[in-house]
Amino acid sequence: MSVERTAGVEGEALEVWIDQDLCTGDGICAQYAPEVFELDIDGLAYVKSAGDELLQGKGATTPVPLPLLTDVVDSAKECPGECIHVRRVSDKVEMFGPDAE
């Protein structure tokens, strides 16, 4: 049984979440990383679980798979709504997205 490695910065696991209050429904994230992001029938983007389940809870997070790190980071950079947040799991510090330092 193989375990898919999650992305990390300096060995720390990363997770991603979307602030639906700021989402414009543009769909750029789903174009970059359809394995991680999906537009729902309400026109807003959501993250998906490793099992491909749409996570619609407010502030729902999903691990960033290592092979998709660049696509997820590009999604955060290109998002017109600036609503995609990529943070370390351990301390919730935002690494990429509108609140990254």
Protein backbone atom coordinates (compact mmCIF):
# COMPACT_ATOMS: atom_id res chain seq x y z
CA MET A 1 0.00 0.00 0.00
CA SER A 2 1.54 3.30 -1.07
CA VAL A 3 1.01 6.55 0.76
CA GLU A 4 0.98 9.69 -1.37
CA ARG A 5 3.45 12.21 -0.03
CA THR A 6 2.14 15.64 0.74
CA ALA A 7 3.99 18.79 -0.17
CA GLY A 8 5.97 20.66 2.37
CA VAL A 9 8.28 23.56 2.88
CA GLU A 10 11.42 22.57 4.76
CA GLY A 11 9.82 19.21 5.51
CA GLU A 12 6.58 20.65 6.89
CA ALA A 13 3.25 19.41 5.51
CA LEU A 14 1.07 21.94 3.68
CA GLU A 15 -2.70 22.27 3.38
CA VAL A 16 -4.90 24.48 1.22
CA TRP A 17 -8.29 26.10 1.78
CA ILE A 18 -10.53 28.54 -0.08
CA ASP A 19 -12.38 31.52 1.38
CA GLN A 20 -15.69 31.22 -0.50
CA ASP A 21 -16.69 34.73 0.64
CA LEU A 22 -13.99 36.08 -1.69
CA CYS A 23 -14.27 33.48 -4.48
CA THR A 24 -15.18 34.98 -7.87
CA GLY A 25 -15.98 31.61 -9.42
CA ASP A 26 -13.44 32.23 -12.17
CA GLY A 27 -12.29 28.59 -12.09
CA ILE A 28 -8.58 29.22 -12.62
CA CYS A 29 -7.80 26.98 -9.65
CA ALA A 30 -9.77 24.07 -11.12
CA GLN A 31 -7.90 24.53 -14.40
CA TYR A 32 -4.49 24.45 -12.68
CA ALA A 33 -5.21 21.62 -10.22
CA PRO A 34 -8.49 19.78 -10.88
CA GLU A 35 -7.37 17.05 -8.46
CA VAL A 36 -7.50 19.62 -5.62
CA PHE A 37 -10.10 22.23 -6.66
CA GLU A 38 -13.59 22.03 -8.14
CA LEU A 39 -16.39 24.47 -8.91
CA ASP A 40 -19.70 23.49 -7.35
CA ILE A 41 -23.19 24.18 -8.67
CA ASP A 42 -23.23 27.43 -6.64
CA GLY A 43 -20.45 28.69 -8.95
CA LEU A 44 -17.83 28.80 -6.19
CA ALA A 45 -14.60 26.84 -5.88
CA TYR A 46 -13.98 24.28 -3.13
CA VAL A 47 -11.12 21.99 -2.18
CA LYS A 48 -11.47 18.23 -2.54
CA SER A 49 -10.37 15.46 -0.21
CA ALA A 50 -7.77 12.89 -1.24
CA GLY A 51 -10.78 10.66 -2.00
CA ASP A 52 -12.13 13.23 -4.51
CA GLU A 53 -14.96 14.38 -2.20
CA LEU A 54 -15.96 18.06 -2.42
CA LEU A 55 -15.36 19.68 0.99
CA GLN A 56 -18.00 22.38 1.42
CA GLY A 57 -17.57 23.18 5.12
CA LYS A 58 -16.45 26.73 5.86
CA GLY A 59 -12.66 26.76 6.09
CA ALA A 60 -12.35 23.11 5.00
CA THR A 61 -8.75 22.17 4.24
CA THR A 62 -7.08 19.43 2.24
CA PRO A 63 -3.44 18.32 2.15
CA VAL A 64 -1.39 19.56 -0.81
CA PRO A 65 -0.09 16.51 -2.71
CA LEU A 66 3.63 16.88 -3.43
CA PRO A 67 3.26 16.36 -7.23
CA LEU A 68 0.71 19.21 -7.35
CA LEU A 69 2.53 21.78 -5.21
CA THR A 70 3.46 24.03 -8.16
CA ASP A 71 -0.08 23.90 -9.58
CA VAL A 72 -1.64 24.73 -6.20
CA VAL A 73 0.80 27.61 -5.60
CA ASP A 74 0.17 28.94 -9.13
CA SER A 75 -3.57 28.78 -8.42
CA ALA A 76 -3.11 30.89 -5.30
CA LYS A 77 -0.95 33.42 -7.19
CA GLU A 78 -3.31 33.72 -10.18
CA CYS A 79 -6.65 33.71 -8.32
CA PRO A 80 -8.49 36.98 -9.11
CA GLY A 81 -10.43 36.74 -5.84
CA GLU A 82 -7.25 36.21 -3.80
CA CYS A 83 -9.11 33.55 -1.84
CA ILE A 84 -6.75 30.54 -1.96
CA HIS A 85 -4.62 30.00 1.15
CA VAL A 86 -1.73 27.52 1.37
CA ARG A 87 -0.41 27.10 4.91
CA ARG A 88 1.75 24.86 7.05
CA VAL A 89 -0.25 22.26 8.91
CA SER A 90 1.85 22.48 12.09
CA ASP A 91 1.34 26.16 12.95
CA LYS A 92 -1.19 27.40 10.32
CA VAL A 93 1.28 30.00 8.97
CA GLU A 94 0.33 30.98 5.43
CA MET A 95 3.11 30.21 2.96
CA PHE A 96 1.33 31.18 -0.28
CA GLY A 97 -1.78 33.29 -0.80
CA PRO A 98 -3.06 36.74 0.15
CA ASP A 99 -1.93 36.53 3.80
CA ALA A 100 1.58 35.15 3.09
CA GLU A 101 4.43 37.36 4.23
